[in-house]
Amino acid sequence: MFFPYRFDVRYKFVWRPLGAKDGVDGVTLTDDSFIATFGRSRLETPLTNVTAAHATHDYQWWKAVGMRLSMADDGLTFGSSTHGGVCVHFDERVRRVIGFKDHSALTVTVDDLDGLVDAIETRISD
C-alpha cells in the first residue's frame, strides 16, 4: 500500500531542494516493511519494528515542513504540508537519516492520515 504525501505548493521552497516529489514520495507498507521516502532520503524498517501510529494536527509550517529533527526527542519529520501528519513509533531505533542519534519515531505528512494509521494498526495487530 502506498500513501503519498500531501504537498502544499506554498512550501515548495522548503521541500523541493530536498528532491521531494508529489506522487513519488510517501509511505509504502509491504507485508514485511515500513518504507518512507522524502526526496533523496529514505527510512526503512521491518514492519515488526513499528509499535504504534497516531495522527497529529495543527502544524505551523516552520515547525513541520521539510526534513527536520524534533526539538523534544530524537524523532524525525518528513513534512510537505501543515494539514497534519502521522507519528509512527518504533520499538528499536532506526538508523539515523539526519542528526547524530538514531530515530525512535517518524512523522509523515501523508494525504490520508486516518488511512495510514488504520493500515499500520491492522498490520501490527495481525
PDB file of N, CA and C in Angstrom:
ATOM      1  N   MET A   1       0.853  -1.175   0.000  1.00  0.00           N
ATOM      2  CA  MET A   1       0.000   0.000   0.000  1.00  0.00           C
ATOM      3  C   MET A   1       0.896   1.234   0.000  1.00  0.00           C
ATOM      4  N   PHE A   2       0.523   2.216  -0.810  1.00  0.00           N
ATOM      5  CA  PHE A   2       1.293   3.456  -0.904  1.00  0.00           C
ATOM      6  C   PHE A   2       0.436   4.623  -0.441  1.00  0.00           C
ATOM      7  N   PHE A   3       1.000   5.447   0.432  1.00  0.00           N
ATOM      8  CA  PHE A   3       0.338   6.636   0.962  1.00  0.00           C
ATOM      9  C   PHE A   3       1.189   7.853   0.584  1.00  0.00           C
ATOM     10  N   PRO A   4       0.777   8.581  -0.458  1.00  0.00           N
ATOM     11  CA  PRO A   4       1.573   9.739  -0.877  1.00  0.00           C
ATOM     12  C   PRO A   4       1.436  10.892   0.104  1.00  0.00           C
ATOM     13  N   TYR A   5       2.452  11.746   0.108  1.00  0.00           N
ATOM     14  CA  TYR A   5       2.390  12.950   0.927  1.00  0.00           C
ATOM     15  C   TYR A   5       1.413  13.945   0.320  1.00  0.00           C
ATOM     16  N   ARG A   6       0.897  14.829   1.161  1.00  0.00           N
ATOM     17  CA  ARG A   6       0.122  15.970   0.678  1.00  0.00           C
ATOM     18  C   ARG A   6       1.119  17.123   0.523  1.00  0.00           C
ATOM     19  N   PHE A   7       1.425  17.460  -0.718  1.00  0.00           N
ATOM     20  CA  PHE A   7       2.372  18.531  -0.999  1.00  0.00           C
ATOM     21  C   PHE A   7       1.627  19.846  -1.151  1.00  0.00           C
ATOM     22  N   ASP A   8       1.976  20.801  -0.323  1.00  0.00           N
ATOM     23  CA  ASP A   8       1.417  22.147  -0.402  1.00  0.00           C
ATOM     24  C   ASP A   8       2.429  23.005  -1.162  1.00  0.00           C
ATOM     25  N   VAL A   9       2.028  23.496  -2.345  1.00  0.00           N
ATOM     26  CA  VAL A   9       2.964  24.235  -3.194  1.00  0.00           C
ATOM     27  C   VAL A   9       3.460  25.528  -2.556  1.00  0.00           C
ATOM     28  N   ARG A  10       2.746  26.034  -1.567  1.00  0.00           N
ATOM     29  CA  ARG A  10       3.230  27.238  -0.885  1.00  0.00           C
ATOM     30  C   ARG A  10       4.575  27.010  -0.206  1.00  0.00           C
ATOM     31  N   TYR A  11       4.896  25.760   0.092  1.00  0.00           N
ATOM     32  CA  TYR A  11       6.123  25.445   0.822  1.00  0.00           C
ATOM     33  C   TYR A  11       7.153  24.715  -0.039  1.00  0.00           C
ATOM     34  N   LYS A  12       6.980  24.774  -1.364  1.00  0.00           N
ATOM     35  CA  LYS A  12       7.914  24.060  -2.238  1.00  0.00           C
ATOM     36  C   LYS A  12       9.339  24.578  -2.100  1.00  0.00           C
ATOM     37  N   PHE A  13       9.507  25.808  -1.654  1.00  0.00           N
ATOM     38  CA  PHE A  13      10.852  26.336  -1.443  1.00  0.00           C
ATOM     39  C   PHE A  13      11.588  25.574  -0.344  1.00  0.00           C
ATOM     40  N   VAL A  14      10.853  24.825   0.490  1.00  0.00           N
ATOM     41  CA  VAL A  14      11.473  24.015   1.543  1.00  0.00           C
ATOM     42  C   VAL A  14      11.680  22.580   1.072  1.00  0.00           C
ATOM     43  N   TRP A  15      10.647  21.946   0.513  1.00  0.00           N
ATOM     44  CA  TRP A  15      10.758  20.528   0.184  1.00  0.00           C
ATOM     45  C   TRP A  15      11.360  20.248  -1.188  1.00  0.00           C
ATOM     46  N   ARG A  16      11.215  21.161  -2.131  1.00  0.00           N
ATOM     47  CA  ARG A  16      11.757  20.921  -3.474  1.00  0.00           C
ATOM     48  C   ARG A  16      13.281  20.777  -3.476  1.00  0.00           C
ATOM     49  N   PRO A  17      14.061  21.630  -2.781  1.00  0.00           N
ATOM     50  CA  PRO A  17      15.520  21.451  -2.779  1.00  0.00           C
ATOM     51  C   PRO A  17      15.987  20.107  -2.199  1.00  0.00           C
ATOM     52  N   LEU A  18      15.138  19.458  -1.413  1.00  0.00           N
ATOM     53  CA  LEU A  18      15.465  18.148  -0.843  1.00  0.00           C
ATOM     54  C   LEU A  18      15.193  17.015  -1.830  1.00  0.00           C
ATOM     55  N   GLY A  19      14.621  17.376  -2.995  1.00  0.00           N
ATOM     56  CA  GLY A  19      14.327  16.372  -4.020  1.00  0.00           C
ATOM     57  C   GLY A  19      12.977  15.713  -3.872  1.00  0.00           C
ATOM     58  N   ALA A  20      12.155  16.154  -2.928  1.00  0.00           N
ATOM     59  CA  ALA A  20      10.841  15.540  -2.708  1.00  0.00           C
ATOM     60  C   ALA A  20       9.925  15.848  -3.889  1.00  0.00           C
ATOM     61  N   LYS A  21       9.130  14.841  -4.304  1.00  0.00           N
ATOM     62  CA  LYS A  21       8.272  14.987  -5.471  1.00  0.00           C
ATOM     63  C   LYS A  21       6.866  14.467  -5.195  1.00  0.00           C
ATOM     64  N   ASP A  22       5.896  15.246  -5.602  1.00  0.00           N
ATOM     65  CA  ASP A  22       4.493  14.877  -5.481  1.00  0.00           C
ATOM     66  C   ASP A  22       4.219  13.633  -6.324  1.00  0.00           C
ATOM     67  N   GLY A  23       3.513  12.665  -5.737  1.00  0.00           N
ATOM     68  CA  GLY A  23       3.160  11.435  -6.439  1.00  0.00           C
ATOM     69  C   GLY A  23       4.249  10.382  -6.420  1.00  0.00           C
ATOM     70  N   VAL A  24       5.449  10.759  -6.010  1.00  0.00           N
ATOM     71  CA  VAL A  24       6.579   9.824  -5.968  1.00  0.00           C
ATOM     72  C   VAL A  24       6.914   9.460  -4.527  1.00  0.00           C
ATOM     73  N   ASP A  25       6.966  10.473  -3.672  1.00  0.00           N
ATOM     74  CA  ASP A  25       7.361  10.251  -2.283  1.00  0.00           C
ATOM     75  C   ASP A  25       6.163  10.032  -1.380  1.00  0.00           C
ATOM     76  N   GLY A  26       6.388   9.227  -0.350  1.00  0.00           N
ATOM     77  CA  GLY A  26       5.350   8.916   0.617  1.00  0.00           C
ATOM     78  C   GLY A  26       5.760   7.705   1.437  1.00  0.00           C
ATOM     79  N   VAL A  27       4.760   7.011   1.949  1.00  0.00           N
ATOM     80  CA  VAL A  27       4.984   5.840   2.793  1.00  0.00           C
ATOM     81  C   VAL A  27       4.448   4.610   2.076  1.00  0.00           C
ATOM     82  N   THR A  28       5.267   3.570   2.047  1.00  0.00           N
ATOM     83  CA  THR A  28       4.867   2.291   1.471  1.00  0.00           C
ATOM     84  C   THR A  28       4.877   1.250   2.579  1.00  0.00           C
ATOM     85  N   LEU A  29       3.775   0.525   2.688  1.00  0.00           N
ATOM     86  CA  LEU A  29       3.692  -0.610   3.612  1.00  0.00           C
ATOM     87  C   LEU A  29       3.645  -1.878   2.775  1.00  0.00           C
ATOM     88  N   THR A  30       4.555  -2.789   3.057  1.00  0.00           N
ATOM     89  CA  THR A  30       4.503  -4.106   2.434  1.00  0.00           C
ATOM     90  C   THR A  30       4.130  -5.108   3.522  1.00  0.00           C
ATOM     91  N   ASP A  31       4.096  -6.355   3.184  1.00  0.00           N
ATOM     92  CA  ASP A  31       3.809  -7.373   4.196  1.00  0.00           C
ATOM     93  C   ASP A  31       4.883  -7.391   5.280  1.00  0.00           C
ATOM     94  N   ASP A  32       6.099  -6.962   4.916  1.00  0.00           N
ATOM     95  CA  ASP A  32       7.231  -7.069   5.833  1.00  0.00           C
ATOM     96  C   ASP A  32       7.875  -5.750   6.234  1.00  0.00           C
ATOM     97  N   SER A  33       7.609  -4.661   5.492  1.00  0.00           N
ATOM     98  CA  SER A  33       8.386  -3.435   5.691  1.00  0.00           C
ATOM     99  C   SER A  33       7.554  -2.168   5.777  1.00  0.00           C
ATOM    100  N   PHE A  34       8.114  -1.196   6.482  1.00  0.00           N
ATOM    101  CA  PHE A  34       7.639   0.183   6.502  1.00  0.00           C
ATOM    102  C   PHE A  34       8.725   0.989   5.799  1.00  0.00           C
ATOM    103  N   ILE A  35       8.363   1.701   4.727  1.00  0.00           N
ATOM    104  CA  ILE A  35       9.332   2.468   3.950  1.00  0.00           C
ATOM    105  C   ILE A  35       8.779   3.873   3.756  1.00  0.00           C
ATOM    106  N   ALA A  36       9.559   4.882   4.129  1.00  0.00           N
ATOM    107  CA  ALA A  36       9.179   6.272   3.911  1.00  0.00           C
ATOM    108  C   ALA A  36      10.290   6.940   3.106  1.00  0.00           C
ATOM    109  N   THR A  37       9.908   7.611   2.025  1.00  0.00           N
ATOM    110  CA  THR A  37      10.875   8.343   1.218  1.00  0.00           C
ATOM    111  C   THR A  37      10.534   9.823   1.242  1.00  0.00           C
ATOM    112  N   PHE A  38      11.568  10.647   1.127  1.00  0.00           N
ATOM    113  CA  PHE A  38      11.397  12.092   1.059  1.00  0.00           C
ATOM    114  C   PHE A  38      12.554  12.622   0.225  1.00  0.00           C
ATOM    115  N   GLY A  39      12.329  12.683  -1.084  1.00  0.00           N
ATOM    116  CA  GLY A  39      13.408  13.077  -1.981  1.00  0.00           C
ATOM    117  C   GLY A  39      14.533  12.077  -1.924  1.00  0.00           C
ATOM    118  N   ARG A  40      15.739  12.565  -1.664  1.00  0.00           N
ATOM    119  CA  ARG A  40      16.913  11.694  -1.619  1.00  0.00           C
ATOM    120  C   ARG A  40      17.041  10.919  -0.310  1.00  0.00           C
ATOM    121  N   SER A  41      16.125  11.129   0.625  1.00  0.00           N
ATOM    122  CA  SER A  41      16.193  10.455   1.930  1.00  0.00           C
ATOM    123  C   SER A  41      15.182   9.320   2.016  1.00  0.00           C
ATOM    124  N   ARG A  42      15.571   8.308   2.767  1.00  0.00           N
ATOM    125  CA  ARG A  42      14.732   7.113   2.902  1.00  0.00           C
ATOM    126  C   ARG A  42      14.911   6.548   4.305  1.00  0.00           C
ATOM    127  N   LEU A  43      13.798   6.124   4.886  1.00  0.00           N
ATOM    128  CA  LEU A  43      13.819   5.431   6.168  1.00  0.00           C
ATOM    129  C   LEU A  43      13.072   4.121   5.957  1.00  0.00           C
ATOM    130  N   GLU A  44      13.726   3.023   6.284  1.00  0.00           N
ATOM    131  CA  GLU A  44      13.107   1.709   6.120  1.00  0.00           C
ATOM    132  C   GLU A  44      13.366   0.874   7.357  1.00  0.00           C
ATOM    133  N   THR A  45      12.333   0.154   7.782  1.00  0.00           N
ATOM    134  CA  THR A  45      12.464  -0.729   8.933  1.00  0.00           C
ATOM    135  C   THR A  45      11.475  -1.884   8.762  1.00  0.00           C
ATOM    136  N   PRO A  46      11.763  -3.024   9.367  1.00  0.00           N
ATOM    137  CA  PRO A  46      10.781  -4.114   9.319  1.00  0.00           C
ATOM    138  C   PRO A  46       9.468  -3.675   9.968  1.00  0.00           C
ATOM    139  N   LEU A  47       8.378  -4.136   9.431  1.00  0.00           N
ATOM    140  CA  LEU A  47       7.070  -3.793   9.989  1.00  0.00           C
ATOM    141  C   LEU A  47       6.936  -4.274  11.429  1.00  0.00           C
ATOM    142  N   THR A  48       7.654  -5.307  11.783  1.00  0.00           N
ATOM    143  CA  THR A  48       7.626  -5.800  13.177  1.00  0.00           C
ATOM    144  C   THR A  48       8.254  -4.801  14.141  1.00  0.00           C
ATOM    145  N   ASN A  49       9.001  -3.820  13.635  1.00  0.00           N
ATOM    146  CA  ASN A  49       9.613  -2.800  14.482  1.00  0.00           C
ATOM    147  C   ASN A  49       8.659  -1.632  14.750  1.00  0.00           C
ATOM    148  N   VAL A  50       7.550  -1.561  14.029  1.00  0.00           N
ATOM    149  CA  VAL A  50       6.571  -0.483  14.214  1.00  0.00           C
ATOM    150  C   VAL A  50       5.643  -0.870  15.361  1.00  0.00           C
ATOM    151  N   THR A  51       5.550  -0.003  16.372  1.00  0.00           N
ATOM    152  CA  THR A  51       4.744  -0.330  17.550  1.00  0.00           C
ATOM    153  C   THR A  51       3.427   0.429  17.620  1.00  0.00           C
ATOM    154  N   ALA A  52       3.351   1.607  16.993  1.00  0.00           N
ATOM    155  CA  ALA A  52       2.131   2.418  17.081  1.00  0.00           C
ATOM    156  C   ALA A  52       2.165   3.522  16.037  1.00  0.00           C
ATOM    157  N   ALA A  53       0.988   4.084  15.784  1.00  0.00           N
ATOM    158  CA  ALA A  53       0.871   5.235  14.893  1.00  0.00           C
ATOM    159  C   ALA A  53      -0.345   6.045  15.316  1.00  0.00           C
ATOM    160  N   HIS A  54      -0.217   7.366  15.278  1.00  0.00           N
ATOM    161  CA  HIS A  54      -1.361   8.214  15.587  1.00  0.00           C
ATOM    162  C   HIS A  54      -1.274   9.510  14.776  1.00  0.00           C
ATOM    163  N   ALA A  55      -2.430  10.049  14.448  1.00  0.00           N
ATOM    164  CA  ALA A  55      -2.498  11.291  13.683  1.00  0.00           C
ATOM    165  C   ALA A  55      -2.288  12.489  14.599  1.00  0.00           C
ATOM    166  N   THR A  56      -1.621  13.502  14.070  1.00  0.00           N
ATOM    167  CA  THR A  56      -1.408  14.760  14.777  1.00  0.00           C
ATOM    168  C   THR A  56      -1.834  15.895  13.849  1.00  0.00           C
ATOM    169  N   HIS A  57      -2.190  17.033  14.438  1.00  0.00           N
ATOM    170  CA  HIS A  57      -2.753  18.131  13.640  1.00  0.00           C
ATOM    171  C   HIS A  57      -2.221  19.483  14.109  1.00  0.00           C
ATOM    172  N   ASP A  58      -2.694  20.524  13.408  1.00  0.00           N
ATOM    173  CA  ASP A  58      -2.423  21.916  13.777  1.00  0.00           C
ATOM    174  C   ASP A  58      -0.935  22.250  13.756  1.00  0.00           C
ATOM    175  N   TYR A  59      -0.315  22.057  12.601  1.00  0.00           N
ATOM    176  CA  TYR A  59       1.098  22.341  12.439  1.00  0.00           C
ATOM    177  C   TYR A  59       1.336  23.789  12.034  1.00  0.00           C
ATOM    178  N   GLN A  60       2.439  24.332  12.468  1.00  0.00           N
ATOM    179  CA  GLN A  60       2.936  25.606  11.970  1.00  0.00           C
ATOM    180  C   GLN A  60       4.006  25.261  10.936  1.00  0.00           C
ATOM    181  N   TRP A  61       3.982  25.916   9.780  1.00  0.00           N
ATOM    182  CA  TRP A  61       4.839  25.480   8.683  1.00  0.00           C
ATOM    183  C   TRP A  61       6.314  25.459   9.057  1.00  0.00           C
ATOM    184  N   TRP A  62       6.779  26.403   9.824  1.00  0.00           N
ATOM    185  CA  TRP A  62       8.201  26.472  10.132  1.00  0.00           C
ATOM    186  C   TRP A  62       8.639  25.369  11.100  1.00  0.00           C
ATOM    187  N   LYS A  63       7.672  24.682  11.694  1.00  0.00           N
ATOM    188  CA  LYS A  63       7.996  23.558  12.573  1.00  0.00           C
ATOM    189  C   LYS A  63       7.744  22.208  11.922  1.00  0.00           C
ATOM    190  N   ALA A  64       7.073  22.196  10.753  1.00  0.00           N
ATOM    191  CA  ALA A  64       6.618  20.920  10.211  1.00  0.00           C
ATOM    192  C   ALA A  64       7.045  20.625   8.778  1.00  0.00           C
ATOM    193  N   VAL A  65       7.386  21.636   8.008  1.00  0.00           N
ATOM    194  CA  VAL A  65       7.656  21.411   6.593  1.00  0.00           C
ATOM    195  C   VAL A  65       9.150  21.234   6.367  1.00  0.00           C
ATOM    196  N   GLY A  66       9.477  20.220   5.583  1.00  0.00           N
ATOM    197  CA  GLY A  66      10.867  19.891   5.290  1.00  0.00           C
ATOM    198  C   GLY A  66      11.276  18.629   6.021  1.00  0.00           C
ATOM    199  N   MET A  67      12.558  18.388   6.047  1.00  0.00           N
ATOM    200  CA  MET A  67      13.082  17.253   6.803  1.00  0.00           C
ATOM    201  C   MET A  67      13.757  17.835   8.033  1.00  0.00           C
ATOM    202  N   ARG A  68      13.281  17.407   9.199  1.00  0.00           N
ATOM    203  CA  ARG A  68      13.772  18.031  10.424  1.00  0.00           C
ATOM    204  C   ARG A  68      13.716  17.075  11.601  1.00  0.00           C
ATOM    205  N   LEU A  69      14.507  17.419  12.600  1.00  0.00           N
ATOM    206  CA  LEU A  69      14.514  16.673  13.854  1.00  0.00           C
ATOM    207  C   LEU A  69      13.580  17.332  14.847  1.00  0.00           C
ATOM    208  N   SER A  70      13.025  16.534  15.737  1.00  0.00           N
ATOM    209  CA  SER A  70      12.201  17.047  16.819  1.00  0.00           C
ATOM    210  C   SER A  70      13.084  17.777  17.830  1.00  0.00           C
ATOM    211  N   MET A  71      12.555  18.868  18.379  1.00  0.00           N
ATOM    212  CA  MET A  71      13.278  19.578  19.433  1.00  0.00           C
ATOM    213  C   MET A  71      13.118  18.863  20.783  1.00  0.00           C
ATOM    214  N   ALA A  72      12.128  17.964  20.881  1.00  0.00           N
ATOM    215  CA  ALA A  72      11.827  17.311  22.157  1.00  0.00           C
ATOM    216  C   ALA A  72      12.517  15.955  22.329  1.00  0.00           C
ATOM    217  N   ASP A  73      12.759  15.258  21.211  1.00  0.00           N
ATOM    218  CA  ASP A  73      13.336  13.922  21.303  1.00  0.00           C
ATOM    219  C   ASP A  73      14.143  13.640  20.045  1.00  0.00           C
ATOM    220  N   ASP A  74      14.315  12.377  19.711  1.00  0.00           N
ATOM    221  CA  ASP A  74      15.105  12.004  18.545  1.00  0.00           C
ATOM    222  C   ASP A  74      14.240  11.701  17.323  1.00  0.00           C
ATOM    223  N   GLY A  75      13.006  12.170  17.340  1.00  0.00           N
ATOM    224  CA  GLY A  75      12.095  11.936  16.227  1.00  0.00           C
ATOM    225  C   GLY A  75      12.509  12.711  14.987  1.00  0.00           C
ATOM    226  N   LEU A  76      12.055  12.222  13.846  1.00  0.00           N
ATOM    227  CA  LEU A  76      12.337  12.797  12.544  1.00  0.00           C
ATOM    228  C   LEU A  76      11.024  13.146  11.875  1.00  0.00           C
ATOM    229  N   THR A  77      11.007  14.200  11.058  1.00  0.00           N
ATOM    230  CA  THR A  77       9.825  14.573  10.285  1.00  0.00           C
ATOM    231  C   THR A  77      10.170  14.631   8.810  1.00  0.00           C
ATOM    232  N   PHE A  78       9.310  14.021   7.986  1.00  0.00           N
ATOM    233  CA  PHE A  78       9.296  14.222   6.547  1.00  0.00           C
ATOM    234  C   PHE A  78       8.024  15.015   6.289  1.00  0.00           C
ATOM    235  N   GLY A  79       8.145  16.343   6.155  1.00  0.00           N
ATOM    236  CA  GLY A  79       6.970  17.205   6.097  1.00  0.00           C
ATOM    237  C   GLY A  79       6.810  17.940   4.784  1.00  0.00           C
ATOM    238  N   SER A  80       5.600  17.898   4.231  1.00  0.00           N
ATOM    239  CA  SER A  80       5.311  18.529   2.946  1.00  0.00           C
ATOM    240  C   SER A  80       4.140  19.507   3.016  1.00  0.00           C
ATOM    241  N   SER A  81       3.483  19.574   4.167  1.00  0.00           N
ATOM    242  CA  SER A  81       2.333  20.464   4.335  1.00  0.00           C
ATOM    243  C   SER A  81       2.042  20.630   5.825  1.00  0.00           C
ATOM    244  N   THR A  82       1.026  21.432   6.130  1.00  0.00           N
ATOM    245  CA  THR A  82       0.650  21.669   7.531  1.00  0.00           C
ATOM    246  C   THR A  82      -0.680  21.030   7.907  1.00  0.00           C
ATOM    247  N   HIS A  83      -1.292  20.263   7.004  1.00  0.00           N
ATOM    248  CA  HIS A  83      -2.634  19.729   7.286  1.00  0.00           C
ATOM    249  C   HIS A  83      -2.646  18.716   8.420  1.00  0.00           C
ATOM    250  N   GLY A  84      -1.524  18.106   8.704  1.00  0.00           N
ATOM    251  CA  GLY A  84      -1.434  17.104   9.754  1.00  0.00           C
ATOM    252  C   GLY A  84      -0.466  16.027   9.347  1.00  0.00           C
ATOM    253  N   GLY A  85      -0.223  15.102  10.248  1.00  0.00           N
ATOM    254  CA  GLY A  85       0.710  14.033   9.951  1.00  0.00           C
ATOM    255  C   GLY A  85       0.409  12.806  10.779  1.00  0.00           C
ATOM    256  N   VAL A  86       1.166  11.768  10.510  1.00  0.00           N
ATOM    257  CA  VAL A  86       1.071  10.532  11.272  1.00  0.00           C
ATOM    258  C   VAL A  86       2.424  10.319  11.931  1.00  0.00           C
ATOM    259  N   CYS A  87       2.399  10.181  13.247  1.00  0.00           N
ATOM    260  CA  CYS A  87       3.605   9.890  14.010  1.00  0.00           C
ATOM    261  C   CYS A  87       3.690   8.376  14.168  1.00  0.00           C
ATOM    262  N   VAL A  88       4.753   7.796  13.649  1.00  0.00           N
ATOM    263  CA  VAL A  88       4.969   6.347  13.673  1.00  0.00           C
ATOM    264  C   VAL A  88       6.081   6.057  14.671  1.00  0.00           C
ATOM    265  N   HIS A  89       5.823   5.178  15.622  1.00  0.00           N
ATOM    266  CA  HIS A  89       6.781   4.852  16.680  1.00  0.00           C
ATOM    267  C   HIS A  89       7.436   3.503  16.405  1.00  0.00           C
ATOM    268  N   PHE A  90       8.709   3.408  16.773  1.00  0.00           N
ATOM    269  CA  PHE A  90       9.486   2.198  16.538  1.00  0.00           C
ATOM    270  C   PHE A  90       9.927   1.581  17.863  1.00  0.00           C
ATOM    271  N   ASP A  91       9.948   0.252  17.913  1.00  0.00           N
ATOM    272  CA  ASP A  91      10.418  -0.462  19.098  1.00  0.00           C
ATOM    273  C   ASP A  91      11.918  -0.248  19.271  1.00  0.00           C
ATOM    274  N   GLU A  92      12.673  -0.547  18.229  1.00  0.00           N
ATOM    275  CA  GLU A  92      14.107  -0.283  18.223  1.00  0.00           C
ATOM    276  C   GLU A  92      14.350   0.916  17.322  1.00  0.00           C
ATOM    277  N   ARG A  93      15.209   1.806  17.757  1.00  0.00           N
ATOM    278  CA  ARG A  93      15.507   2.999  16.966  1.00  0.00           C
ATOM    279  C   ARG A  93      16.002   2.597  15.569  1.00  0.00           C
ATOM    280  N   VAL A  94      15.600   3.388  14.565  1.00  0.00           N
ATOM    281  CA  VAL A  94      16.051   3.131  13.202  1.00  0.00           C
ATOM    282  C   VAL A  94      17.283   3.987  12.913  1.00  0.00           C
ATOM    283  N   ARG A  95      18.090   3.509  12.010  1.00  0.00           N
ATOM    284  CA  ARG A  95      19.337   4.202  11.657  1.00  0.00           C
ATOM    285  C   ARG A  95      19.049   5.645  11.285  1.00  0.00           C
ATOM    286  N   ARG A  96      19.853   6.541  11.818  1.00  0.00           N
ATOM    287  CA  ARG A  96      19.634   7.968  11.624  1.00  0.00           C
ATOM    288  C   ARG A  96      19.645   8.341  10.137  1.00  0.00           C
ATOM    289  N   VAL A  97      18.766   9.242   9.787  1.00  0.00           N
ATOM    290  CA  VAL A  97      18.724   9.820   8.452  1.00  0.00           C
ATOM    291  C   VAL A  97      19.472  11.146   8.472  1.00  0.00           C
ATOM    292  N   ILE A  98      19.215  11.938   9.521  1.00  0.00           N
ATOM    293  CA  ILE A  98      19.955  13.176   9.774  1.00  0.00           C
ATOM    294  C   ILE A  98      20.219  13.267  11.273  1.00  0.00           C
ATOM    295  N   GLY A  99      21.123  14.121  11.649  1.00  0.00           N
ATOM    296  CA  GLY A  99      21.426  14.295  13.058  1.00  0.00           C
ATOM    297  C   GLY A  99      22.462  13.299  13.544  1.00  0.00           C
ATOM    298  N   PHE A 100      22.584  13.201  14.864  1.00  0.00           N
ATOM    299  CA  PHE A 100      23.601  12.363  15.472  1.00  0.00           C
ATOM    300  C   PHE A 100      23.043  11.124  16.163  1.00  0.00           C
ATOM    301  N   LYS A 101      21.719  11.058  16.317  1.00  0.00           N
ATOM    302  CA  LYS A 101      21.093   9.927  17.006  1.00  0.00           C
ATOM    303  C   LYS A 101      20.189   9.165  16.057  1.00  0.00           C
ATOM    304  N   ASP A 102      20.040   7.860  16.323  1.00  0.00           N
ATOM    305  CA  ASP A 102      19.044   7.078  15.604  1.00  0.00           C
ATOM    306  C   ASP A 102      17.654   7.541  16.039  1.00  0.00           C
ATOM    307  N   HIS A 103      16.645   7.226  15.238  1.00  0.00           N
ATOM    308  CA  HIS A 103      15.301   7.768  15.441  1.00  0.00           C
ATOM    309  C   HIS A 103      14.339   6.749  16.069  1.00  0.00           C
ATOM    310  N   SER A 104      13.596   7.190  17.075  1.00  0.00           N
ATOM    311  CA  SER A 104      12.589   6.335  17.712  1.00  0.00           C
ATOM    312  C   SER A 104      11.196   6.570  17.128  1.00  0.00           C
ATOM    313  N   ALA A 105      11.047   7.601  16.287  1.00  0.00           N
ATOM    314  CA  ALA A 105       9.745   7.910  15.689  1.00  0.00           C
ATOM    315  C   ALA A 105       9.951   8.701  14.404  1.00  0.00           C
ATOM    316  N   LEU A 106       8.947   8.653  13.544  1.00  0.00           N
ATOM    317  CA  LEU A 106       8.942   9.414  12.302  1.00  0.00           C
ATOM    318  C   LEU A 106       7.551   9.986  12.098  1.00  0.00           C
ATOM    319  N   THR A 107       7.478  11.289  11.817  1.00  0.00           N
ATOM    320  CA  THR A 107       6.211  11.920  11.458  1.00  0.00           C
ATOM    321  C   THR A 107       6.207  12.162   9.962  1.00  0.00           C
ATOM    322  N   VAL A 108       5.124  11.761   9.302  1.00  0.00           N
ATOM    323  CA  VAL A 108       4.982  11.897   7.851  1.00  0.00           C
ATOM    324  C   VAL A 108       3.670  12.601   7.537  1.00  0.00           C
ATOM    325  N   THR A 109       3.716  13.550   6.613  1.00  0.00           N
ATOM    326  CA  THR A 109       2.517  14.326   6.274  1.00  0.00           C
ATOM    327  C   THR A 109       1.822  13.740   5.044  1.00  0.00           C
ATOM    328  N   VAL A 110       1.375  12.500   5.186  1.00  0.00           N
ATOM    329  CA  VAL A 110       0.654  11.846   4.095  1.00  0.00           C
ATOM    330  C   VAL A 110      -0.719  12.492   3.911  1.00  0.00           C
ATOM    331  N   ASP A 111      -1.285  12.301   2.733  1.00  0.00           N
ATOM    332  CA  ASP A 111      -2.593  12.878   2.441  1.00  0.00           C
ATOM    333  C   ASP A 111      -3.696  12.206   3.257  1.00  0.00           C
ATOM    334  N   ASP A 112      -3.641  10.892   3.366  1.00  0.00           N
ATOM    335  CA  ASP A 112      -4.679  10.121   4.054  1.00  0.00           C
ATOM    336  C   ASP A 112      -4.182   9.703   5.443  1.00  0.00           C
ATOM    337  N   LEU A 113      -4.325  10.602   6.398  1.00  0.00           N
ATOM    338  CA  LEU A 113      -3.833  10.353   7.756  1.00  0.00           C
ATOM    339  C   LEU A 113      -4.490   9.128   8.372  1.00  0.00           C
ATOM    340  N   ASP A 114      -5.820   9.111   8.383  1.00  0.00           N
ATOM    341  CA  ASP A 114      -6.544   8.000   9.014  1.00  0.00           C
ATOM    342  C   ASP A 114      -6.293   6.682   8.294  1.00  0.00           C
ATOM    343  N   GLY A 115      -6.159   6.737   6.976  1.00  0.00           N
ATOM    344  CA  GLY A 115      -5.890   5.518   6.209  1.00  0.00           C
ATOM    345  C   GLY A 115      -4.562   4.892   6.585  1.00  0.00           C
ATOM    346  N   LEU A 116      -3.523   5.718   6.752  1.00  0.00           N
ATOM    347  CA  LEU A 116      -2.220   5.182   7.138  1.00  0.00           C
ATOM    348  C   LEU A 116      -2.260   4.637   8.560  1.00  0.00           C
ATOM    349  N   VAL A 117      -2.882   5.373   9.476  1.00  0.00           N
ATOM    350  CA  VAL A 117      -2.989   4.881  10.855  1.00  0.00           C
ATOM    351  C   VAL A 117      -3.714   3.539  10.884  1.00  0.00           C
ATOM    352  N   ASP A 118      -4.843   3.440  10.184  1.00  0.00           N
ATOM    353  CA  ASP A 118      -5.607   2.186  10.152  1.00  0.00           C
ATOM    354  C   ASP A 118      -4.792   1.052   9.555  1.00  0.00           C
ATOM    355  N   ALA A 119      -4.082   1.319   8.462  1.00  0.00           N
ATOM    356  CA  ALA A 119      -3.292   0.280   7.812  1.00  0.00           C
ATOM    357  C   ALA A 119      -2.174  -0.222   8.715  1.00  0.00           C
ATOM    358  N   ILE A 120      -1.517   0.698   9.412  1.00  0.00           N
ATOM    359  CA  ILE A 120      -0.453   0.293  10.335  1.00  0.00           C
ATOM    360  C   ILE A 120      -1.028  -0.505  11.493  1.00  0.00           C
ATOM    361  N   GLU A 121      -2.122  -0.001  12.083  1.00  0.00           N
ATOM    362  CA  GLU A 121      -2.721  -0.714  13.210  1.00  0.00           C
ATOM    363  C   GLU A 121      -3.188  -2.114  12.821  1.00  0.00           C
ATOM    364  N   THR A 122      -3.739  -2.241  11.622  1.00  0.00           N
ATOM    365  CA  THR A 122      -4.182  -3.560  11.143  1.00  0.00           C
ATOM    366  C   THR A 122      -3.001  -4.501  10.988  1.00  0.00           C
ATOM    367  N   ARG A 123      -1.930  -4.010  10.407  1.00  0.00           N
ATOM    368  CA  ARG A 123      -0.759  -4.862  10.164  1.00  0.00           C
ATOM    369  C   ARG A 123      -0.028  -5.242  11.453  1.00  0.00           C
ATOM    370  N   ILE A 124       0.067  -4.320  12.400  1.00  0.00           N
ATOM    371  CA  ILE A 124       0.826  -4.661  13.606  1.00  0.00           C
ATOM    372  C   ILE A 124       0.002  -5.497  14.588  1.00  0.00           C
ATOM    373  N   SER A 125      -1.309  -5.516  14.402  1.00  0.00           N
ATOM    374  CA  SER A 125      -2.144  -6.323  15.295  1.00  0.00           C
ATOM    375  C   SER A 125      -2.280  -7.768  14.802  1.00  0.00           C
ATOM    376  N   ASP A 126      -1.891  -8.016  13.560  1.00  0.00           N
ATOM    377  CA  ASP A 126      -2.003  -9.377  13.000  1.00  0.00           C
ATOM    378  C   ASP A 126      -0.953 -10.296  13.550  1.00  0.00           C
TER     379      ASP A 126
END
